Amino acid sequence: MARRSRPYWKGFLRLSLVSIGVELHNAVESKSDISFRQIHKPSGRRVTYEKTVPGIGAIDTADIVKGYEVDTDTYVTLEPEEIDALKLDSKRTIDLVQFVDIASIDYRYFERPYFLVPADEMAGEGYVVIREALRKTGKLGLAQLTISGREWLVAVAPLQDGLVMEMLRYQEELRPTEDYFDEVPALEPDKEMIDLAVQLRFPAISRG
């Protein structure tokens, strides 16, 4: 059995009266991503960046605070404890309160997948009950989850022997399609050309 990664989050999954301990594990492997550094060619050493302020010059890292821009070059600065006070409490429960057909969610809303697994052996039976209930109905369970001070809309669905949780984007995060598709020609495509395209590019579908 492959060794699990460290859990991204631990808490509870609840469906009606069934509540079980669960863990979230990142379902995306990013090791293949290649990152580049800027290198000083003559010496072969990495380029570093000095923190400076216009008109002042180099500054000490200890003098840097976080600030929110309220106007051009006008900021409200916040101390770490003030930022922590603004964060939402991390609710430890994924409470499935609404259910929708899997095919009804536009795939643009899907942000990032996570494997949702039982936290321990005792959670196994309840976990399987929730998985099969979702599978039998063909539904996604929707919930809200707060992690690191940010509230997410999430969807839970059966995946093979387990459950997957997908973080979802909110509608206001999506750009309107008409800004990009309004110049697409309003043409009625030729049926024979469509059939030919299906046969050439999707032979398995055309045989069905």
C-alpha atoms as a PDB file:
ATOM      1  CA  MET A   1       0.000   0.000   0.000  1.00  0.00           C
ATOM      2  CA  ALA A   2       1.368   3.409  -0.982  1.00  0.00           C
ATOM      3  CA  ARG A   3       2.225   5.740   1.856  1.00  0.00           C
ATOM      4  CA  ARG A   4      -0.230   8.593   2.285  1.00  0.00           C
ATOM      5  CA  SER A   5       0.751  12.220   2.198  1.00  0.00           C
ATOM      6  CA  ARG A   6       0.273  14.352   5.281  1.00  0.00           C
ATOM      7  CA  PRO A   7      -3.379  15.425   5.629  1.00  0.00           C
ATOM      8  CA  TYR A   8      -4.138  18.899   4.344  1.00  0.00           C
ATOM      9  CA  TRP A   9      -7.054  19.152   6.785  1.00  0.00           C
ATOM     10  CA  LYS A  10      -8.740  17.028   9.455  1.00  0.00           C
ATOM     11  CA  GLY A  11     -12.332  17.277  10.592  1.00  0.00           C
ATOM     12  CA  PHE A  12     -15.749  15.697  10.203  1.00  0.00           C
ATOM     13  CA  LEU A  13     -18.030  14.858   7.294  1.00  0.00           C
ATOM     14  CA  ARG A  14     -21.725  14.986   8.123  1.00  0.00           C
ATOM     15  CA  LEU A  15     -24.759  13.792   6.191  1.00  0.00           C
ATOM     16  CA  SER A  16     -27.960  14.141   8.206  1.00  0.00           C
ATOM     17  CA  LEU A  17     -27.419  12.041  11.367  1.00  0.00           C
ATOM     18  CA  VAL A  18     -24.234  10.380  10.094  1.00  0.00           C
ATOM     19  CA  SER A  19     -21.043  12.165  11.166  1.00  0.00           C
ATOM     20  CA  ILE A  20     -17.569  10.670  10.704  1.00  0.00           C
ATOM     21  CA  GLY A  21     -13.949  11.725  11.087  1.00  0.00           C
ATOM     22  CA  VAL A  22     -12.206  12.416   7.780  1.00  0.00           C
ATOM     23  CA  GLU A  23      -8.932  13.670   6.346  1.00  0.00           C
ATOM     24  CA  LEU A  24      -8.278  15.705   3.216  1.00  0.00           C
ATOM     25  CA  HIS A  25      -5.319  14.831   0.998  1.00  0.00           C
ATOM     26  CA  ASN A  26      -4.215  16.797  -2.038  1.00  0.00           C
ATOM     27  CA  ALA A  27      -5.228  14.886  -5.178  1.00  0.00           C
ATOM     28  CA  VAL A  28      -2.855  16.811  -7.455  1.00  0.00           C
ATOM     29  CA  GLU A  29       0.827  15.928  -7.861  1.00  0.00           C
ATOM     30  CA  SER A  30       2.871  19.036  -8.613  1.00  0.00           C
ATOM     31  CA  LYS A  31       6.408  17.599  -8.468  1.00  0.00           C
ATOM     32  CA  SER A  32       6.629  17.647 -12.237  1.00  0.00           C
ATOM     33  CA  ASP A  33       6.374  21.454 -12.280  1.00  0.00           C
ATOM     34  CA  ILE A  34       9.646  23.054 -13.346  1.00  0.00           C
ATOM     35  CA  SER A  35      10.714  26.297 -11.691  1.00  0.00           C
ATOM     36  CA  PHE A  36      13.545  28.547 -12.826  1.00  0.00           C
ATOM     37  CA  ARG A  37      15.790  30.881 -10.841  1.00  0.00           C
ATOM     38  CA  GLN A  38      17.577  33.945 -12.095  1.00  0.00           C
ATOM     39  CA  ILE A  39      21.324  33.298 -12.103  1.00  0.00           C
ATOM     40  CA  HIS A  40      24.274  35.689 -12.415  1.00  0.00           C
ATOM     41  CA  LYS A  41      25.952  34.199 -15.520  1.00  0.00           C
ATOM     42  CA  PRO A  42      29.598  35.183 -14.794  1.00  0.00           C
ATOM     43  CA  SER A  43      29.577  33.707 -11.260  1.00  0.00           C
ATOM     44  CA  GLY A  44      26.859  31.062 -11.629  1.00  0.00           C
ATOM     45  CA  ARG A  45      25.274  32.268  -8.371  1.00  0.00           C
ATOM     46  CA  ARG A  46      21.609  32.983  -7.726  1.00  0.00           C
ATOM     47  CA  VAL A  47      20.374  36.584  -7.946  1.00  0.00           C
ATOM     48  CA  THR A  48      18.887  37.938  -4.711  1.00  0.00           C
ATOM     49  CA  TYR A  49      16.503  40.833  -4.279  1.00  0.00           C
ATOM     50  CA  GLU A  50      17.017  43.625  -1.810  1.00  0.00           C
ATOM     51  CA  LYS A  51      13.942  45.157  -0.204  1.00  0.00           C
ATOM     52  CA  THR A  52      13.922  48.894  -0.797  1.00  0.00           C
ATOM     53  CA  VAL A  53      11.590  51.886  -0.389  1.00  0.00           C
ATOM     54  CA  PRO A  54      11.627  54.718  -2.968  1.00  0.00           C
ATOM     55  CA  GLY A  55      13.444  57.738  -1.500  1.00  0.00           C
ATOM     56  CA  ILE A  56      14.718  55.757   1.468  1.00  0.00           C
ATOM     57  CA  GLY A  57      16.717  52.869   0.051  1.00  0.00           C
ATOM     58  CA  ALA A  58      17.369  49.456   1.586  1.00  0.00           C
ATOM     59  CA  ILE A  59      15.256  48.604   4.635  1.00  0.00           C
ATOM     60  CA  ASP A  60      15.284  46.004   7.398  1.00  0.00           C
ATOM     61  CA  THR A  61      12.865  43.068   7.044  1.00  0.00           C
ATOM     62  CA  ALA A  62      11.767  43.640  10.662  1.00  0.00           C
ATOM     63  CA  ASP A  63      10.294  47.004   9.640  1.00  0.00           C
ATOM     64  CA  ILE A  64       7.940  45.466   7.064  1.00  0.00           C
ATOM     65  CA  VAL A  65       4.229  45.108   7.909  1.00  0.00           C
ATOM     66  CA  LYS A  66       1.203  44.141   5.840  1.00  0.00           C
ATOM     67  CA  GLY A  67      -1.106  46.847   4.554  1.00  0.00           C
ATOM     68  CA  TYR A  68      -4.325  47.250   2.598  1.00  0.00           C
ATOM     69  CA  GLU A  69      -4.410  49.930  -0.119  1.00  0.00           C
ATOM     70  CA  VAL A  70      -7.397  52.242   0.365  1.00  0.00           C
ATOM     71  CA  ASP A  71      -6.292  54.856  -2.169  1.00  0.00           C
ATOM     72  CA  THR A  72      -3.316  55.490  -4.451  1.00  0.00           C
ATOM     73  CA  ASP A  73      -0.195  55.114  -2.270  1.00  0.00           C
ATOM     74  CA  THR A  74      -2.391  55.249   0.852  1.00  0.00           C
ATOM     75  CA  TYR A  75      -2.420  52.170   3.059  1.00  0.00           C
ATOM     76  CA  VAL A  76      -3.929  50.942   6.292  1.00  0.00           C
ATOM     77  CA  THR A  77      -1.300  48.836   8.050  1.00  0.00           C
ATOM     78  CA  LEU A  78      -2.196  45.812  10.132  1.00  0.00           C
ATOM     79  CA  GLU A  79      -0.285  43.924  12.804  1.00  0.00           C
ATOM     80  CA  PRO A  80      -0.219  40.081  12.664  1.00  0.00           C
ATOM     81  CA  GLU A  81      -2.648  39.766  15.565  1.00  0.00           C
ATOM     82  CA  GLU A  82      -5.099  42.116  13.832  1.00  0.00           C
ATOM     83  CA  ILE A  83      -4.948  40.014  10.666  1.00  0.00           C
ATOM     84  CA  ASP A  84      -5.579  36.853  12.702  1.00  0.00           C
ATOM     85  CA  ALA A  85      -8.622  38.499  14.294  1.00  0.00           C
ATOM     86  CA  LEU A  86     -10.088  39.170  10.842  1.00  0.00           C
ATOM     87  CA  LYS A  87      -9.789  35.557   9.728  1.00  0.00           C
ATOM     88  CA  LEU A  88     -12.832  33.313   9.847  1.00  0.00           C
ATOM     89  CA  ASP A  89     -12.797  30.509  12.386  1.00  0.00           C
ATOM     90  CA  SER A  90     -11.827  27.176  10.833  1.00  0.00           C
ATOM     91  CA  LYS A  91     -15.047  25.193  11.006  1.00  0.00           C
ATOM     92  CA  ARG A  92     -14.161  21.553  11.436  1.00  0.00           C
ATOM     93  CA  THR A  93     -17.195  20.067   9.729  1.00  0.00           C
ATOM     94  CA  ILE A  94     -18.095  19.474   6.083  1.00  0.00           C
ATOM     95  CA  ASP A  95     -21.871  19.561   6.472  1.00  0.00           C
ATOM     96  CA  LEU A  96     -23.596  18.282   3.309  1.00  0.00           C
ATOM     97  CA  VAL A  97     -26.761  20.359   3.239  1.00  0.00           C
ATOM     98  CA  GLN A  98     -27.645  20.548  -0.463  1.00  0.00           C
ATOM     99  CA  PHE A  99     -27.514  18.011  -3.290  1.00  0.00           C
ATOM    100  CA  VAL A 100     -27.427  18.531  -7.043  1.00  0.00           C
ATOM    101  CA  ASP A 101     -27.054  16.305 -10.099  1.00  0.00           C
ATOM    102  CA  ILE A 102     -23.405  15.709 -10.943  1.00  0.00           C
ATOM    103  CA  ALA A 103     -23.908  16.819 -14.548  1.00  0.00           C
ATOM    104  CA  SER A 104     -25.572  20.089 -13.524  1.00  0.00           C
ATOM    105  CA  ILE A 105     -22.383  21.873 -12.374  1.00  0.00           C
ATOM    106  CA  ASP A 106     -20.486  23.811 -15.043  1.00  0.00           C
ATOM    107  CA  TYR A 107     -16.904  22.506 -15.040  1.00  0.00           C
ATOM    108  CA  ARG A 108     -15.587  26.095 -14.847  1.00  0.00           C
ATOM    109  CA  TYR A 109     -16.574  26.078 -11.187  1.00  0.00           C
ATOM    110  CA  PHE A 110     -14.180  23.275 -10.253  1.00  0.00           C
ATOM    111  CA  GLU A 111     -11.035  24.665  -8.616  1.00  0.00           C
ATOM    112  CA  ARG A 112      -8.985  21.857  -7.067  1.00  0.00           C
ATOM    113  CA  PRO A 113      -9.641  18.207  -6.080  1.00  0.00           C
ATOM    114  CA  TYR A 114      -8.856  16.521  -2.772  1.00  0.00           C
ATOM    115  CA  PHE A 115      -9.167  12.910  -1.692  1.00  0.00           C
ATOM    116  CA  LEU A 116     -11.521  12.616   1.271  1.00  0.00           C
ATOM    117  CA  VAL A 117     -10.667   9.535   3.348  1.00  0.00           C
ATOM    118  CA  PRO A 118     -11.786   8.065   6.686  1.00  0.00           C
ATOM    119  CA  ALA A 119      -9.742   9.356   9.605  1.00  0.00           C
ATOM    120  CA  ASP A 120      -9.708   5.975  11.321  1.00  0.00           C
ATOM    121  CA  GLU A 121     -11.205   2.474  11.226  1.00  0.00           C
ATOM    122  CA  MET A 122     -14.276   3.529  13.203  1.00  0.00           C
ATOM    123  CA  ALA A 123     -15.235   5.993  10.477  1.00  0.00           C
ATOM    124  CA  GLY A 124     -15.182   3.341   7.754  1.00  0.00           C
ATOM    125  CA  GLU A 125     -18.808   2.191   7.911  1.00  0.00           C
ATOM    126  CA  GLY A 126     -20.285   5.685   7.913  1.00  0.00           C
ATOM    127  CA  TYR A 127     -17.917   6.668   5.120  1.00  0.00           C
ATOM    128  CA  VAL A 128     -19.173   3.828   2.906  1.00  0.00           C
ATOM    129  CA  VAL A 129     -22.799   4.719   3.694  1.00  0.00           C
ATOM    130  CA  ILE A 130     -22.280   8.326   2.539  1.00  0.00           C
ATOM    131  CA  ARG A 131     -20.354   7.208  -0.552  1.00  0.00           C
ATOM    132  CA  GLU A 132     -23.067   4.780  -1.641  1.00  0.00           C
ATOM    133  CA  ALA A 133     -25.890   7.231  -0.919  1.00  0.00           C
ATOM    134  CA  LEU A 134     -24.283   9.773  -3.246  1.00  0.00           C
ATOM    135  CA  ARG A 135     -23.526   7.123  -5.860  1.00  0.00           C
ATOM    136  CA  LYS A 136     -27.067   5.694  -5.831  1.00  0.00           C
ATOM    137  CA  THR A 137     -28.672   9.106  -6.262  1.00  0.00           C
ATOM    138  CA  GLY A 138     -26.125  10.416  -8.782  1.00  0.00           C
ATOM    139  CA  LYS A 139     -25.729  13.532  -6.685  1.00  0.00           C
ATOM    140  CA  LEU A 140     -22.988  15.844  -5.450  1.00  0.00           C
ATOM    141  CA  GLY A 141     -23.175  16.991  -1.855  1.00  0.00           C
ATOM    142  CA  LEU A 142     -22.539  20.735  -1.423  1.00  0.00           C
ATOM    143  CA  ALA A 143     -21.122  22.324   1.704  1.00  0.00           C
ATOM    144  CA  GLN A 144     -19.102  25.293   2.926  1.00  0.00           C
ATOM    145  CA  LEU A 145     -15.694  24.789   4.471  1.00  0.00           C
ATOM    146  CA  THR A 146     -13.396  27.330   6.102  1.00  0.00           C
ATOM    147  CA  ILE A 147      -9.659  26.710   5.874  1.00  0.00           C
ATOM    148  CA  SER A 148      -6.937  29.187   6.849  1.00  0.00           C
ATOM    149  CA  GLY A 149      -9.424  32.003   7.200  1.00  0.00           C
ATOM    150  CA  ARG A 150     -11.009  31.559   3.762  1.00  0.00           C
ATOM    151  CA  GLU A 151     -14.471  30.188   3.185  1.00  0.00           C
ATOM    152  CA  TRP A 152     -14.839  27.730   0.317  1.00  0.00           C
ATOM    153  CA  LEU A 153     -17.846  26.258  -1.426  1.00  0.00           C
ATOM    154  CA  VAL A 154     -17.084  22.547  -1.839  1.00  0.00           C
ATOM    155  CA  ALA A 155     -18.633  19.543  -3.547  1.00  0.00           C
ATOM    156  CA  VAL A 156     -18.280  15.929  -2.382  1.00  0.00           C
ATOM    157  CA  ALA A 157     -18.777  13.062  -4.831  1.00  0.00           C
ATOM    158  CA  PRO A 158     -18.055   9.310  -5.029  1.00  0.00           C
ATOM    159  CA  LEU A 159     -14.853   8.354  -6.834  1.00  0.00           C
ATOM    160  CA  GLN A 160     -14.093   4.645  -7.323  1.00  0.00           C
ATOM    161  CA  ASP A 161     -13.857   3.199  -3.767  1.00  0.00           C
ATOM    162  CA  GLY A 162     -13.768   6.563  -2.053  1.00  0.00           C
ATOM    163  CA  LEU A 163     -14.877  10.170  -2.016  1.00  0.00           C
ATOM    164  CA  VAL A 164     -13.402  13.229  -3.671  1.00  0.00           C
ATOM    165  CA  MET A 165     -13.944  16.792  -2.487  1.00  0.00           C
ATOM    166  CA  GLU A 166     -13.673  19.563  -5.031  1.00  0.00           C
ATOM    167  CA  MET A 167     -13.177  23.190  -4.042  1.00  0.00           C
ATOM    168  CA  LEU A 168     -15.496  25.320  -6.168  1.00  0.00           C
ATOM    169  CA  ARG A 169     -15.255  28.836  -7.494  1.00  0.00           C
ATOM    170  CA  TYR A 170     -18.059  31.281  -6.755  1.00  0.00           C
ATOM    171  CA  GLN A 171     -20.064  32.685  -9.664  1.00  0.00           C
ATOM    172  CA  GLU A 172     -18.623  36.181  -9.235  1.00  0.00           C
ATOM    173  CA  GLU A 173     -15.131  34.762  -9.835  1.00  0.00           C
ATOM    174  CA  LEU A 174     -15.994  33.712 -13.395  1.00  0.00           C
ATOM    175  CA  ARG A 175     -15.624  36.093 -16.274  1.00  0.00           C
ATOM    176  CA  PRO A 176     -18.801  36.515 -18.374  1.00  0.00           C
ATOM    177  CA  THR A 177     -18.748  34.336 -21.485  1.00  0.00           C
ATOM    178  CA  GLU A 178     -20.311  37.035 -23.653  1.00  0.00           C
ATOM    179  CA  ASP A 179     -17.125  39.101 -23.292  1.00  0.00           C
ATOM    180  CA  TYR A 180     -15.340  36.431 -25.325  1.00  0.00           C
ATOM    181  CA  PHE A 181     -17.957  34.578 -27.365  1.00  0.00           C
ATOM    182  CA  ASP A 182     -20.131  37.449 -28.620  1.00  0.00           C
ATOM    183  CA  GLU A 183     -18.233  37.570 -31.921  1.00  0.00           C
ATOM    184  CA  VAL A 184     -18.566  33.855 -32.661  1.00  0.00           C
ATOM    185  CA  PRO A 185     -20.496  33.575 -35.955  1.00  0.00           C
ATOM    186  CA  ALA A 186     -24.141  32.629 -35.529  1.00  0.00           C
ATOM    187  CA  LEU A 187     -24.004  29.953 -38.205  1.00  0.00           C
ATOM    188  CA  GLU A 188     -25.977  26.754 -38.581  1.00  0.00           C
ATOM    189  CA  PRO A 189     -23.253  24.129 -39.250  1.00  0.00           C
ATOM    190  CA  ASP A 190     -23.700  21.600 -42.006  1.00  0.00           C
ATOM    191  CA  LYS A 191     -24.837  18.253 -40.541  1.00  0.00           C
ATOM    192  CA  GLU A 192     -22.718  16.231 -42.944  1.00  0.00           C
ATOM    193  CA  MET A 193     -19.611  18.198 -41.982  1.00  0.00           C
ATOM    194  CA  ILE A 194     -20.321  17.535 -38.304  1.00  0.00           C
ATOM    195  CA  ASP A 195     -20.797  13.818 -38.955  1.00  0.00           C
ATOM    196  CA  LEU A 196     -17.528  13.744 -40.906  1.00  0.00           C
ATOM    197  CA  ALA A 197     -15.677  15.514 -38.097  1.00  0.00           C
ATOM    198  CA  VAL A 198     -17.053  13.004 -35.577  1.00  0.00           C
ATOM    199  CA  GLN A 199     -15.965  10.064 -37.730  1.00  0.00           C
ATOM    200  CA  LEU A 200     -12.458  11.456 -38.253  1.00  0.00           C
ATOM    201  CA  ARG A 201     -11.721  12.619 -34.716  1.00  0.00           C
ATOM    202  CA  PHE A 202     -14.029  10.537 -32.507  1.00  0.00           C
ATOM    203  CA  PRO A 203     -14.332   7.098 -34.138  1.00  0.00           C
ATOM    204  CA  ALA A 204     -15.398   5.381 -30.904  1.00  0.00           C
ATOM    205  CA  ILE A 205     -18.313   7.784 -30.545  1.00  0.00           C
ATOM    206  CA  SER A 206     -19.390   7.503 -34.183  1.00  0.00           C
ATOM    207  CA  ARG A 207     -19.607   3.705 -33.912  1.00  0.00           C
ATOM    208  CA  GLY A 208     -21.974   4.043 -30.975  1.00  0.00           C
END
